[in-house]
PDB file of all heavy atoms in Angstrom:
ATOM      1  N   HIS A   1       0.839  -1.197   0.009  1.00  0.00           N
ATOM      2  CA  HIS A   1      -0.003  -0.021   0.036  1.00  0.00           C
ATOM      3  C   HIS A   1       0.883   1.260   0.006  1.00  0.00           C
ATOM      4  O   HIS A   1       1.482   1.606   1.019  1.00  0.00           O
ATOM      5  CB  HIS A   1      -0.910  -0.022   1.241  1.00  0.00           C
ATOM      6  CG  HIS A   1      -2.083   0.847   1.144  1.00  0.00           C
ATOM      7  ND1 HIS A   1      -2.513   1.405  -0.053  1.00  0.00           N
ATOM      8  CD2 HIS A   1      -2.954   1.309   2.095  1.00  0.00           C
ATOM      9  CE1 HIS A   1      -3.609   2.137   0.165  1.00  0.00           C
ATOM     10  NE2 HIS A   1      -3.909   2.102   1.507  1.00  0.00           N
ATOM     11  N   LYS A   2       0.905   1.945  -1.161  1.00  0.00           N
ATOM     12  CA  LYS A   2       1.763   3.144  -1.294  1.00  0.00           C
ATOM     13  C   LYS A   2       0.985   4.387  -1.677  1.00  0.00           C
ATOM     14  O   LYS A   2       1.497   5.491  -1.552  1.00  0.00           O
ATOM     15  CB  LYS A   2       2.872   2.856  -2.365  1.00  0.00           C
ATOM     16  CG  LYS A   2       3.993   1.958  -1.991  1.00  0.00           C
ATOM     17  CD  LYS A   2       5.080   2.004  -3.012  1.00  0.00           C
ATOM     18  CE  LYS A   2       6.280   1.203  -2.558  1.00  0.00           C
ATOM     19  NZ  LYS A   2       7.378   1.279  -3.527  1.00  0.00           N
ATOM     20  N   ASN A   3      -0.225   4.210  -2.154  1.00  0.00           N
ATOM     21  CA  ASN A   3      -0.908   5.295  -2.804  1.00  0.00           C
ATOM     22  C   ASN A   3      -2.379   5.190  -2.510  1.00  0.00           C
ATOM     23  O   ASN A   3      -2.948   4.125  -2.407  1.00  0.00           O
ATOM     24  CB  ASN A   3      -0.634   5.262  -4.312  1.00  0.00           C
ATOM     25  CG  ASN A   3      -0.968   6.546  -5.035  1.00  0.00           C
ATOM     26  OD1 ASN A   3      -2.085   7.080  -4.845  1.00  0.00           O
ATOM     27  ND2 ASN A   3      -0.024   7.080  -5.815  1.00  0.00           N
ATOM     28  N   LEU A   4      -3.101   6.373  -2.467  1.00  0.00           N
ATOM     29  CA  LEU A   4      -4.526   6.363  -2.324  1.00  0.00           C
ATOM     30  C   LEU A   4      -5.259   5.780  -3.555  1.00  0.00           C
ATOM     31  O   LEU A   4      -6.405   5.452  -3.465  1.00  0.00           O
ATOM     32  CB  LEU A   4      -5.073   7.753  -2.060  1.00  0.00           C
ATOM     33  CG  LEU A   4      -4.565   8.427  -0.758  1.00  0.00           C
ATOM     34  CD1 LEU A   4      -5.004   9.870  -0.681  1.00  0.00           C
ATOM     35  CD2 LEU A   4      -5.146   7.631   0.441  1.00  0.00           C
ATOM     36  N   LYS A   5      -4.543   5.693  -4.666  1.00  0.00           N
ATOM     37  CA  LYS A   5      -5.095   5.155  -5.905  1.00  0.00           C
ATOM     38  C   LYS A   5      -5.045   3.625  -5.931  1.00  0.00           C
ATOM     39  O   LYS A   5      -5.501   2.987  -6.912  1.00  0.00           O
ATOM     40  CB  LYS A   5      -4.359   5.699  -7.155  1.00  0.00           C
ATOM     41  CG  LYS A   5      -4.447   7.182  -7.325  1.00  0.00           C
ATOM     42  CD  LYS A   5      -3.841   7.626  -8.599  1.00  0.00           C
ATOM     43  CE  LYS A   5      -2.366   7.394  -8.659  1.00  0.00           C
ATOM     44  NZ  LYS A   5      -1.687   7.930  -9.864  1.00  0.00           N
ATOM     45  N   ASP A   6      -4.463   2.993  -4.896  1.00  0.00           N
ATOM     46  CA  ASP A   6      -4.327   1.541  -4.905  1.00  0.00           C
ATOM     47  C   ASP A   6      -5.656   0.744  -5.049  1.00  0.00           C
ATOM     48  O   ASP A   6      -5.681  -0.214  -5.769  1.00  0.00           O
ATOM     49  CB  ASP A   6      -3.526   1.061  -3.668  1.00  0.00           C
ATOM     50  CG  ASP A   6      -2.081   1.489  -3.703  1.00  0.00           C
ATOM     51  OD1 ASP A   6      -1.629   1.913  -4.790  1.00  0.00           O
ATOM     52  OD2 ASP A   6      -1.448   1.487  -2.595  1.00  0.00           O
ATOM     53  N   PHE A   7      -6.649   1.252  -4.327  1.00  0.00           N
ATOM     54  CA  PHE A   7      -7.940   0.474  -4.425  1.00  0.00           C
ATOM     55  C   PHE A   7      -8.567   0.667  -5.808  1.00  0.00           C
ATOM     56  O   PHE A   7      -8.988  -0.336  -6.395  1.00  0.00           O
ATOM     57  CB  PHE A   7      -8.951   1.003  -3.340  1.00  0.00           C
ATOM     58  CG  PHE A   7     -10.292   0.388  -3.488  1.00  0.00           C
ATOM     59  CD1 PHE A   7     -10.455  -0.987  -3.477  1.00  0.00           C
ATOM     60  CD2 PHE A   7     -11.408   1.202  -3.696  1.00  0.00           C
ATOM     61  CE1 PHE A   7     -11.708  -1.501  -3.602  1.00  0.00           C
ATOM     62  CE2 PHE A   7     -12.673   0.683  -3.881  1.00  0.00           C
ATOM     63  CZ  PHE A   7     -12.857  -0.712  -3.825  1.00  0.00           C
ATOM     64  N   PRO A   8      -8.679   1.885  -6.430  1.00  0.00           N
ATOM     65  CA  PRO A   8      -9.160   1.961  -7.766  1.00  0.00           C
ATOM     66  C   PRO A   8      -8.346   1.121  -8.720  1.00  0.00           C
ATOM     67  O   PRO A   8      -8.849   0.533  -9.707  1.00  0.00           O
ATOM     68  CB  PRO A   8      -9.069   3.433  -8.095  1.00  0.00           C
ATOM     69  CG  PRO A   8      -9.097   4.132  -6.764  1.00  0.00           C
ATOM     70  CD  PRO A   8      -8.431   3.197  -5.799  1.00  0.00           C
ATOM     71  N   LEU A   9      -7.035   1.065  -8.505  1.00  0.00           N
ATOM     72  CA  LEU A   9      -6.126   0.320  -9.318  1.00  0.00           C
ATOM     73  C   LEU A   9      -6.563  -1.213  -9.293  1.00  0.00           C
ATOM     74  O   LEU A   9      -6.590  -1.861 -10.342  1.00  0.00           O
ATOM     75  CB  LEU A   9      -4.690   0.422  -8.821  1.00  0.00           C
ATOM     76  CG  LEU A   9      -3.572  -0.187  -9.664  1.00  0.00           C
ATOM     77  CD1 LEU A   9      -3.429   0.607 -10.945  1.00  0.00           C
ATOM     78  CD2 LEU A   9      -2.269  -0.182  -8.894  1.00  0.00           C
ATOM     79  N   LEU A  10      -6.793  -1.720  -8.077  1.00  0.00           N
ATOM     80  CA  LEU A  10      -7.235  -3.128  -7.983  1.00  0.00           C
ATOM     81  C   LEU A  10      -8.689  -3.338  -8.440  1.00  0.00           C
ATOM     82  O   LEU A  10      -9.013  -4.398  -9.007  1.00  0.00           O
ATOM     83  CB  LEU A  10      -7.073  -3.580  -6.550  1.00  0.00           C
ATOM     84  CG  LEU A  10      -5.647  -3.560  -5.995  1.00  0.00           C
ATOM     85  CD1 LEU A  10      -5.660  -4.075  -4.536  1.00  0.00           C
ATOM     86  CD2 LEU A  10      -4.712  -4.419  -6.831  1.00  0.00           C
ATOM     87  N   MET A  11      -9.529  -2.361  -8.238  1.00  0.00           N
ATOM     88  CA  MET A  11     -10.899  -2.444  -8.537  1.00  0.00           C
ATOM     89  C   MET A  11     -11.110  -2.703 -10.068  1.00  0.00           C
ATOM     90  O   MET A  11     -11.964  -3.504 -10.477  1.00  0.00           O
ATOM     91  CB  MET A  11     -11.690  -1.170  -8.138  1.00  0.00           C
ATOM     92  CG  MET A  11     -13.208  -1.223  -8.446  1.00  0.00           C
ATOM     93  SD  MET A  11     -14.057   0.213  -7.814  1.00  0.00           S
ATOM     94  CE  MET A  11     -13.420   1.429  -8.921  1.00  0.00           C
ATOM     95  N   PHE A  12     -10.276  -2.035 -10.880  1.00  0.00           N
ATOM     96  CA  PHE A  12     -10.407  -2.244 -12.308  1.00  0.00           C
ATOM     97  C   PHE A  12      -9.523  -3.342 -12.850  1.00  0.00           C
ATOM     98  O   PHE A  12      -9.431  -3.565 -14.047  1.00  0.00           O
ATOM     99  CB  PHE A  12     -10.048  -0.916 -13.051  1.00  0.00           C
ATOM    100  CG  PHE A  12     -11.060   0.130 -12.905  1.00  0.00           C
ATOM    101  CD1 PHE A  12     -10.954   1.130 -12.009  1.00  0.00           C
ATOM    102  CD2 PHE A  12     -12.232   0.070 -13.732  1.00  0.00           C
ATOM    103  CE1 PHE A  12     -11.924   2.150 -11.904  1.00  0.00           C
ATOM    104  CE2 PHE A  12     -13.224   1.041 -13.596  1.00  0.00           C
ATOM    105  CZ  PHE A  12     -13.083   2.073 -12.685  1.00  0.00           C
ATOM    106  N   PHE A  13      -8.792  -4.114 -11.915  1.00  0.00           N
ATOM    107  CA  PHE A  13      -7.974  -5.175 -12.370  1.00  0.00           C
ATOM    108  C   PHE A  13      -8.783  -6.281 -12.940  1.00  0.00           C
ATOM    109  O   PHE A  13      -8.472  -6.885 -13.986  1.00  0.00           O
ATOM    110  CB  PHE A  13      -7.135  -5.680 -11.222  1.00  0.00           C
ATOM    111  CG  PHE A  13      -6.428  -7.012 -11.451  1.00  0.00           C
ATOM    112  CD1 PHE A  13      -5.298  -6.977 -12.356  1.00  0.00           C
ATOM    113  CD2 PHE A  13      -6.763  -8.150 -10.869  1.00  0.00           C
ATOM    114  CE1 PHE A  13      -4.637  -8.179 -12.614  1.00  0.00           C
ATOM    115  CE2 PHE A  13      -6.121  -9.338 -11.133  1.00  0.00           C
ATOM    116  CZ  PHE A  13      -5.073  -9.311 -12.032  1.00  0.00           C
ATOM    117  N   MET A  14      -9.904  -6.648 -12.218  1.00  0.00           N
ATOM    118  CA  MET A  14     -10.853  -7.663 -12.727  1.00  0.00           C
ATOM    119  C   MET A  14     -12.067  -6.906 -13.293  1.00  0.00           C
ATOM    120  O   MET A  14     -12.905  -6.435 -12.561  1.00  0.00           O
ATOM    121  CB  MET A  14     -11.268  -8.574 -11.620  1.00  0.00           C
ATOM    122  CG  MET A  14     -10.139  -9.464 -11.096  1.00  0.00           C
ATOM    123  SD  MET A  14     -10.684 -10.664  -9.884  1.00  0.00           S
ATOM    124  CE  MET A  14      -9.146 -11.602  -9.594  1.00  0.00           C
ATOM    125  N   PRO A  15     -12.105  -6.746 -14.612  1.00  0.00           N
ATOM    126  CA  PRO A  15     -13.096  -5.863 -15.231  1.00  0.00           C
ATOM    127  C   PRO A  15     -14.584  -6.226 -15.054  1.00  0.00           C
ATOM    128  O   PRO A  15     -15.429  -5.416 -15.112  1.00  0.00           O
ATOM    129  CB  PRO A  15     -12.702  -5.834 -16.728  1.00  0.00           C
ATOM    130  CG  PRO A  15     -12.019  -7.172 -16.923  1.00  0.00           C
ATOM    131  CD  PRO A  15     -11.307  -7.405 -15.614  1.00  0.00           C
ATOM    132  N   PHE A  16     -14.851  -7.556 -14.862  1.00  0.00           N
ATOM    133  CA  PHE A  16     -16.214  -7.961 -14.815  1.00  0.00           C
ATOM    134  C   PHE A  16     -16.618  -8.554 -13.430  1.00  0.00           C
ATOM    135  O   PHE A  16     -17.645  -9.241 -13.339  1.00  0.00           O
ATOM    136  CB  PHE A  16     -16.479  -9.048 -15.897  1.00  0.00           C
ATOM    137  CG  PHE A  16     -16.075  -8.564 -17.276  1.00  0.00           C
ATOM    138  CD1 PHE A  16     -14.969  -9.103 -17.906  1.00  0.00           C
ATOM    139  CD2 PHE A  16     -16.755  -7.518 -17.863  1.00  0.00           C
ATOM    140  CE1 PHE A  16     -14.595  -8.668 -19.214  1.00  0.00           C
ATOM    141  CE2 PHE A  16     -16.354  -7.081 -19.156  1.00  0.00           C
ATOM    142  CZ  PHE A  16     -15.295  -7.649 -19.792  1.00  0.00           C
ATOM    143  N   ARG A  17     -15.824  -8.241 -12.432  1.00  0.00           N
ATOM    144  CA  ARG A  17     -16.159  -8.683 -11.061  1.00  0.00           C
ATOM    145  C   ARG A  17     -16.124  -7.536 -10.106  1.00  0.00           C
ATOM    146  O   ARG A  17     -15.299  -6.630 -10.244  1.00  0.00           O
ATOM    147  CB  ARG A  17     -15.197  -9.829 -10.640  1.00  0.00           C
ATOM    148  CG  ARG A  17     -15.227 -11.035 -11.526  1.00  0.00           C
ATOM    149  CD  ARG A  17     -14.538 -12.180 -10.835  1.00  0.00           C
ATOM    150  NE  ARG A  17     -15.170 -12.611  -9.605  1.00  0.00           N
ATOM    151  CZ  ARG A  17     -14.762 -13.612  -8.841  1.00  0.00           C
ATOM    152  NH1 ARG A  17     -13.677 -14.285  -9.170  1.00  0.00           N
ATOM    153  NH2 ARG A  17     -15.419 -13.930  -7.767  1.00  0.00           N
ATOM    154  N   LYS A  18     -16.912  -7.625  -9.063  1.00  0.00           N
ATOM    155  CA  LYS A  18     -16.896  -6.621  -7.998  1.00  0.00           C
ATOM    156  C   LYS A  18     -15.812  -6.969  -7.047  1.00  0.00           C
ATOM    157  O   LYS A  18     -15.671  -8.064  -6.578  1.00  0.00           O
ATOM    158  CB  LYS A  18     -18.246  -6.556  -7.272  1.00  0.00           C
ATOM    159  CG  LYS A  18     -18.283  -5.528  -6.190  1.00  0.00           C
ATOM    160  CD  LYS A  18     -19.698  -5.406  -5.544  1.00  0.00           C
ATOM    161  CE  LYS A  18     -19.709  -4.298  -4.482  1.00  0.00           C
ATOM    162  NZ  LYS A  18     -21.073  -4.181  -3.892  1.00  0.00           N
ATOM    163  N   MET A  19     -15.016  -5.975  -6.725  1.00  0.00           N
ATOM    164  CA  MET A  19     -13.827  -6.144  -5.819  1.00  0.00           C
ATOM    165  C   MET A  19     -14.208  -5.569  -4.472  1.00  0.00           C
ATOM    166  O   MET A  19     -14.505  -4.380  -4.332  1.00  0.00           O
ATOM    167  CB  MET A  19     -12.607  -5.453  -6.356  1.00  0.00           C
ATOM    168  CG  MET A  19     -11.387  -5.531  -5.507  1.00  0.00           C
ATOM    169  SD  MET A  19     -10.523  -7.073  -5.706  1.00  0.00           S
ATOM    170  CE  MET A  19      -9.878  -6.914  -7.375  1.00  0.00           C
ATOM    171  N   TYR A  20     -14.177  -6.390  -3.433  1.00  0.00           N
ATOM    172  CA  TYR A  20     -14.360  -5.945  -2.080  1.00  0.00           C
ATOM    173  C   TYR A  20     -12.975  -5.630  -1.474  1.00  0.00           C
ATOM    174  O   TYR A  20     -11.956  -6.196  -1.931  1.00  0.00           O
ATOM    175  CB  TYR A  20     -15.106  -6.983  -1.229  1.00  0.00           C
ATOM    176  CG  TYR A  20     -16.470  -7.206  -1.672  1.00  0.00           C
ATOM    177  CD1 TYR A  20     -16.835  -8.124  -2.721  1.00  0.00           C
ATOM    178  CD2 TYR A  20     -17.559  -6.561  -1.028  1.00  0.00           C
ATOM    179  CE1 TYR A  20     -18.132  -8.308  -3.100  1.00  0.00           C
ATOM    180  CE2 TYR A  20     -18.861  -6.762  -1.469  1.00  0.00           C
ATOM    181  CZ  TYR A  20     -19.151  -7.628  -2.513  1.00  0.00           C
ATOM    182  OH  TYR A  20     -20.467  -7.804  -2.884  1.00  0.00           O
ATOM    183  N   CYS A  21     -12.973  -4.747  -0.488  1.00  0.00           N
ATOM    184  CA  CYS A  21     -11.694  -4.346   0.083  1.00  0.00           C
ATOM    185  C   CYS A  21     -11.815  -3.978   1.543  1.00  0.00           C
ATOM    186  O   CYS A  21     -12.772  -3.239   1.952  1.00  0.00           O
ATOM    187  CB  CYS A  21     -11.129  -3.154  -0.700  1.00  0.00           C
ATOM    188  SG  CYS A  21      -9.462  -2.581  -0.152  1.00  0.00           S
ATOM    189  N   GLN A  22     -10.938  -4.459   2.357  1.00  0.00           N
ATOM    190  CA  GLN A  22     -10.860  -3.982   3.743  1.00  0.00           C
ATOM    191  C   GLN A  22     -10.353  -2.569   3.821  1.00  0.00           C
ATOM    192  O   GLN A  22      -9.286  -2.287   3.295  1.00  0.00           O
ATOM    193  CB  GLN A  22      -9.970  -4.940   4.572  1.00  0.00           C
ATOM    194  CG  GLN A  22     -10.560  -6.315   4.751  1.00  0.00           C
ATOM    195  CD  GLN A  22      -9.733  -7.200   5.673  1.00  0.00           C
ATOM    196  OE1 GLN A  22      -8.641  -6.804   6.126  1.00  0.00           O
ATOM    197  NE2 GLN A  22     -10.128  -8.426   5.894  1.00  0.00           N
ATOM    198  N   MET A  23     -11.110  -1.700   4.446  1.00  0.00           N
ATOM    199  CA  MET A  23     -10.805  -0.269   4.540  1.00  0.00           C
ATOM    200  C   MET A  23     -10.702   0.198   5.972  1.00  0.00           C
ATOM    201  O   MET A  23     -11.521  -0.201   6.792  1.00  0.00           O
ATOM    202  CB  MET A  23     -11.750   0.604   3.716  1.00  0.00           C
ATOM    203  CG  MET A  23     -11.878   0.286   2.272  1.00  0.00           C
ATOM    204  SD  MET A  23     -13.054   1.368   1.454  1.00  0.00           S
ATOM    205  CE  MET A  23     -12.965   0.795  -0.253  1.00  0.00           C
ATOM    206  N   SER A  24      -9.780   1.088   6.264  1.00  0.00           N
ATOM    207  CA  SER A  24      -9.600   1.537   7.636  1.00  0.00           C
ATOM    208  C   SER A  24     -10.758   2.545   8.041  1.00  0.00           C
ATOM    209  O   SER A  24     -11.488   3.042   7.178  1.00  0.00           O
ATOM    210  CB  SER A  24      -8.262   2.287   7.776  1.00  0.00           C
ATOM    211  OG  SER A  24      -8.277   3.494   7.014  1.00  0.00           O
ATOM    212  N   GLU A  25     -10.860   2.676   9.367  1.00  0.00           N
ATOM    213  CA  GLU A  25     -11.939   3.451   9.863  1.00  0.00           C
ATOM    214  C   GLU A  25     -11.936   4.925   9.474  1.00  0.00           C
ATOM    215  O   GLU A  25     -12.937   5.668   9.459  1.00  0.00           O
ATOM    216  CB  GLU A  25     -11.986   3.385  11.433  1.00  0.00           C
ATOM    217  CG  GLU A  25     -10.900   4.179  12.116  1.00  0.00           C
ATOM    218  CD  GLU A  25      -9.475   3.574  11.994  1.00  0.00           C
ATOM    219  OE1 GLU A  25      -9.381   2.386  11.553  1.00  0.00           O
ATOM    220  OE2 GLU A  25      -8.489   4.198  12.332  1.00  0.00           O
ATOM    221  N   VAL A  26     -10.725   5.432   9.073  1.00  0.00           N
ATOM    222  CA  VAL A  26     -10.655   6.869   8.693  1.00  0.00           C
ATOM    223  C   VAL A  26     -11.471   7.198   7.475  1.00  0.00           C
ATOM    224  O   VAL A  26     -11.877   8.320   7.240  1.00  0.00           O
ATOM    225  CB  VAL A  26      -9.172   7.273   8.472  1.00  0.00           C
ATOM    226  CG1 VAL A  26      -8.347   7.192   9.725  1.00  0.00           C
ATOM    227  CG2 VAL A  26      -8.536   6.402   7.370  1.00  0.00           C
ATOM    228  N   VAL A  27     -11.666   6.195   6.597  1.00  0.00           N
ATOM    229  CA  VAL A  27     -12.449   6.366   5.355  1.00  0.00           C
ATOM    230  C   VAL A  27     -13.881   6.613   5.726  1.00  0.00           C
ATOM    231  O   VAL A  27     -14.676   7.190   4.953  1.00  0.00           O
ATOM    232  CB  VAL A  27     -12.300   5.114   4.420  1.00  0.00           C
ATOM    233  CG1 VAL A  27     -13.109   5.376   3.175  1.00  0.00           C
ATOM    234  CG2 VAL A  27     -10.836   4.925   4.101  1.00  0.00           C
ATOM    235  N   TYR A  28     -14.349   6.096   6.887  1.00  0.00           N
ATOM    236  CA  TYR A  28     -15.726   6.172   7.321  1.00  0.00           C
ATOM    237  C   TYR A  28     -15.994   7.309   8.300  1.00  0.00           C
ATOM    238  O   TYR A  28     -17.011   7.332   9.010  1.00  0.00           O
ATOM    239  CB  TYR A  28     -16.123   4.844   7.942  1.00  0.00           C
ATOM    240  CG  TYR A  28     -16.153   3.698   6.974  1.00  0.00           C
ATOM    241  CD1 TYR A  28     -14.973   2.977   6.718  1.00  0.00           C
ATOM    242  CD2 TYR A  28     -17.314   3.344   6.307  1.00  0.00           C
ATOM    243  CE1 TYR A  28     -15.011   1.881   5.802  1.00  0.00           C
ATOM    244  CE2 TYR A  28     -17.360   2.248   5.418  1.00  0.00           C
ATOM    245  CZ  TYR A  28     -16.143   1.559   5.179  1.00  0.00           C
ATOM    246  OH  TYR A  28     -16.199   0.523   4.312  1.00  0.00           O
ATOM    247  N   LYS A  29     -15.050   8.233   8.466  1.00  0.00           N
ATOM    248  CA  LYS A  29     -15.210   9.283   9.481  1.00  0.00           C
ATOM    249  C   LYS A  29     -16.452  10.139   9.231  1.00  0.00           C
ATOM    250  O   LYS A  29     -17.185  10.515  10.121  1.00  0.00           O
ATOM    251  CB  LYS A  29     -13.934  10.173   9.489  1.00  0.00           C
ATOM    252  CG  LYS A  29     -12.873   9.612  10.328  1.00  0.00           C
ATOM    253  CD  LYS A  29     -11.728  10.604  10.489  1.00  0.00           C
ATOM    254  CE  LYS A  29     -10.658  10.044  11.432  1.00  0.00           C
ATOM    255  NZ  LYS A  29      -9.559  11.025  11.648  1.00  0.00           N
ATOM    256  N   LYS A  30     -16.691  10.408   7.899  1.00  0.00           N
ATOM    257  CA  LYS A  30     -17.897  11.167   7.577  1.00  0.00           C
ATOM    258  C   LYS A  30     -19.057  10.191   7.401  1.00  0.00           C
ATOM    259  O   LYS A  30     -19.055   9.413   6.456  1.00  0.00           O
ATOM    260  CB  LYS A  30     -17.696  11.968   6.328  1.00  0.00           C
ATOM    261  CG  LYS A  30     -16.739  13.118   6.477  1.00  0.00           C
ATOM    262  CD  LYS A  30     -16.641  13.949   5.214  1.00  0.00           C
ATOM    263  CE  LYS A  30     -15.652  15.085   5.392  1.00  0.00           C
ATOM    264  NZ  LYS A  30     -15.505  15.901   4.151  1.00  0.00           N
ATOM    265  N   LYS A  31     -19.950  10.128   8.338  1.00  0.00           N
ATOM    266  CA  LYS A  31     -21.001   9.130   8.297  1.00  0.00           C
ATOM    267  C   LYS A  31     -22.068   9.517   7.253  1.00  0.00           C
ATOM    268  O   LYS A  31     -21.974  10.514   6.625  1.00  0.00           O
ATOM    269  CB  LYS A  31     -21.590   8.967   9.660  1.00  0.00           C
ATOM    270  CG  LYS A  31     -20.586   8.500  10.748  1.00  0.00           C
ATOM    271  CD  LYS A  31     -21.235   8.348  12.088  1.00  0.00           C
ATOM    272  CE  LYS A  31     -20.200   7.884  13.089  1.00  0.00           C
ATOM    273  NZ  LYS A  31     -20.834   7.688  14.451  1.00  0.00           N
ATOM    274  N   GLY A  32     -23.052   8.707   7.213  1.00  0.00           N
ATOM    275  CA  GLY A  32     -24.202   8.960   6.280  1.00  0.00           C
ATOM    276  C   GLY A  32     -23.901   8.540   4.845  1.00  0.00           C
ATOM    277  O   GLY A  32     -23.511   7.445   4.637  1.00  0.00           O
ATOM    278  N   PHE A  33     -24.033   9.492   3.913  1.00  0.00           N
ATOM    279  CA  PHE A  33     -23.903   9.197   2.490  1.00  0.00           C
ATOM    280  C   PHE A  33     -22.487   8.669   2.167  1.00  0.00           C
ATOM    281  O   PHE A  33     -22.354   7.747   1.424  1.00  0.00           O
ATOM    282  CB  PHE A  33     -24.253  10.449   1.665  1.00  0.00           C
ATOM    283  CG  PHE A  33     -24.149  10.174   0.191  1.00  0.00           C
ATOM    284  CD1 PHE A  33     -25.141   9.488  -0.467  1.00  0.00           C
ATOM    285  CD2 PHE A  33     -23.035  10.605  -0.554  1.00  0.00           C
ATOM    286  CE1 PHE A  33     -25.065   9.308  -1.832  1.00  0.00           C
ATOM    287  CE2 PHE A  33     -22.988  10.478  -1.907  1.00  0.00           C
ATOM    288  CZ  PHE A  33     -23.941   9.749  -2.587  1.00  0.00           C
ATOM    289  N   ASN A  34     -21.460   9.280   2.759  1.00  0.00           N
ATOM    290  CA  ASN A  34     -20.069   8.915   2.460  1.00  0.00           C
ATOM    291  C   ASN A  34     -19.802   7.436   2.862  1.00  0.00           C
ATOM    292  O   ASN A  34     -19.248   6.656   2.096  1.00  0.00           O
ATOM    293  CB  ASN A  34     -19.095   9.813   3.147  1.00  0.00           C
ATOM    294  CG  ASN A  34     -17.643   9.474   2.828  1.00  0.00           C
ATOM    295  OD1 ASN A  34     -17.204   9.727   1.712  1.00  0.00           O
ATOM    296  ND2 ASN A  34     -16.920   8.897   3.799  1.00  0.00           N
ATOM    297  N   ALA A  35     -20.276   7.079   4.042  1.00  0.00           N
ATOM    298  CA  ALA A  35     -20.134   5.709   4.535  1.00  0.00           C
ATOM    299  C   ALA A  35     -20.890   4.704   3.688  1.00  0.00           C
ATOM    300  O   ALA A  35     -20.435   3.573   3.408  1.00  0.00           O
ATOM    301  CB  ALA A  35     -20.530   5.594   5.990  1.00  0.00           C
ATOM    302  N   TRP A  36     -22.101   5.149   3.250  1.00  0.00           N
ATOM    303  CA  TRP A  36     -22.867   4.290   2.392  1.00  0.00           C
ATOM    304  C   TRP A  36     -22.199   4.026   1.039  1.00  0.00           C
ATOM    305  O   TRP A  36     -22.190   2.899   0.526  1.00  0.00           O
ATOM    306  CB  TRP A  36     -24.269   4.937   2.147  1.00  0.00           C
ATOM    307  CG  TRP A  36     -25.172   4.122   1.271  1.00  0.00           C
ATOM    308  CD1 TRP A  36     -25.757   2.943   1.554  1.00  0.00           C
ATOM    309  CD2 TRP A  36     -25.515   4.434  -0.102  1.00  0.00           C
ATOM    310  NE1 TRP A  36     -26.517   2.485   0.487  1.00  0.00           N
ATOM    311  CE2 TRP A  36     -26.359   3.376  -0.527  1.00  0.00           C
ATOM    312  CE3 TRP A  36     -25.218   5.457  -0.918  1.00  0.00           C
ATOM    313  CZ2 TRP A  36     -26.892   3.370  -1.855  1.00  0.00           C
ATOM    314  CZ3 TRP A  36     -25.725   5.470  -2.229  1.00  0.00           C
ATOM    315  CH2 TRP A  36     -26.542   4.447  -2.676  1.00  0.00           C
ATOM    316  N   ILE A  37     -21.632   5.105   0.427  1.00  0.00           N
ATOM    317  CA  ILE A  37     -20.871   4.920  -0.816  1.00  0.00           C
ATOM    318  C   ILE A  37     -19.726   3.957  -0.660  1.00  0.00           C
ATOM    319  O   ILE A  37     -19.470   3.097  -1.511  1.00  0.00           O
ATOM    320  CB  ILE A  37     -20.405   6.279  -1.333  1.00  0.00           C
ATOM    321  CG1 ILE A  37     -21.512   7.119  -1.911  1.00  0.00           C
ATOM    322  CG2 ILE A  37     -19.313   6.140  -2.405  1.00  0.00           C
ATOM    323  CD1 ILE A  37     -22.206   6.505  -3.124  1.00  0.00           C
ATOM    324  N   MET A  38     -19.010   4.063   0.478  1.00  0.00           N
ATOM    325  CA  MET A  38     -17.913   3.169   0.714  1.00  0.00           C
ATOM    326  C   MET A  38     -18.408   1.685   0.722  1.00  0.00           C
ATOM    327  O   MET A  38     -17.711   0.780   0.216  1.00  0.00           O
ATOM    328  CB  MET A  38     -17.196   3.487   2.006  1.00  0.00           C
ATOM    329  CG  MET A  38     -16.432   4.818   2.018  1.00  0.00           C
ATOM    330  SD  MET A  38     -15.035   4.854   0.825  1.00  0.00           S
ATOM    331  CE  MET A  38     -15.785   5.791  -0.541  1.00  0.00           C
ATOM    332  N   ARG A  39     -19.527   1.483   1.369  1.00  0.00           N
ATOM    333  CA  ARG A  39     -20.084   0.078   1.426  1.00  0.00           C
ATOM    334  C   ARG A  39     -20.516  -0.337   0.093  1.00  0.00           C
ATOM    335  O   ARG A  39     -20.308  -1.509  -0.319  1.00  0.00           O
ATOM    336  CB  ARG A  39     -21.256   0.047   2.458  1.00  0.00           C
ATOM    337  CG  ARG A  39     -20.789   0.170   3.883  1.00  0.00           C
ATOM    338  CD  ARG A  39     -21.958  -0.265   4.840  1.00  0.00           C
ATOM    339  NE  ARG A  39     -23.118   0.630   4.678  1.00  0.00           N
ATOM    340  CZ  ARG A  39     -23.285   1.752   5.362  1.00  0.00           C
ATOM    341  NH1 ARG A  39     -22.380   2.125   6.279  1.00  0.00           N
ATOM    342  NH2 ARG A  39     -24.370   2.492   5.178  1.00  0.00           N
ATOM    343  N   VAL A  40     -21.147   0.556  -0.697  1.00  0.00           N
ATOM    344  CA  VAL A  40     -21.585   0.225  -2.044  1.00  0.00           C
ATOM    345  C   VAL A  40     -20.326  -0.186  -2.936  1.00  0.00           C
ATOM    346  O   VAL A  40     -20.457  -1.151  -3.703  1.00  0.00           O
ATOM    347  CB  VAL A  40     -22.305   1.411  -2.675  1.00  0.00           C
ATOM    348  CG1 VAL A  40     -22.479   1.215  -4.171  1.00  0.00           C
ATOM    349  CG2 VAL A  40     -23.661   1.576  -2.033  1.00  0.00           C
ATOM    350  N   MET A  41     -19.276   0.536  -2.763  1.00  0.00           N
ATOM    351  CA  MET A  41     -18.095   0.224  -3.573  1.00  0.00           C
ATOM    352  C   MET A  41     -17.346  -1.014  -3.096  1.00  0.00           C
ATOM    353  O   MET A  41     -16.290  -1.338  -3.686  1.00  0.00           O
ATOM    354  CB  MET A  41     -17.129   1.445  -3.606  1.00  0.00           C
ATOM    355  CG  MET A  41     -17.806   2.668  -4.240  1.00  0.00           C
ATOM    356  SD  MET A  41     -18.433   2.368  -5.906  1.00  0.00           S
ATOM    357  CE  MET A  41     -16.925   1.973  -6.802  1.00  0.00           C
ATOM    358  N   GLY A  42     -17.797  -1.610  -2.050  1.00  0.00           N
ATOM    359  CA  GLY A  42     -17.182  -2.848  -1.657  1.00  0.00           C
ATOM    360  C   GLY A  42     -16.297  -2.699  -0.376  1.00  0.00           C
ATOM    361  O   GLY A  42     -15.507  -3.619  -0.058  1.00  0.00           O
ATOM    362  N   GLY A  43     -16.466  -1.643   0.318  1.00  0.00           N
ATOM    363  CA  GLY A  43     -15.622  -1.465   1.511  1.00  0.00           C
ATOM    364  C   GLY A  43     -16.041  -2.313   2.749  1.00  0.00           C
ATOM    365  O   GLY A  43     -17.221  -2.496   2.980  1.00  0.00           O
TER     366      GLY A  43
END
């Protein structure tokens, strides 16, 4: 893990599959819509 782009990089690695990813709590600091988007994207 070197870059904030690492997750998008892996997400598009498998073009036809949904990629789930373990994400740290700091990504979920803003609750509500932001946290929901993170869960939608596979967080």
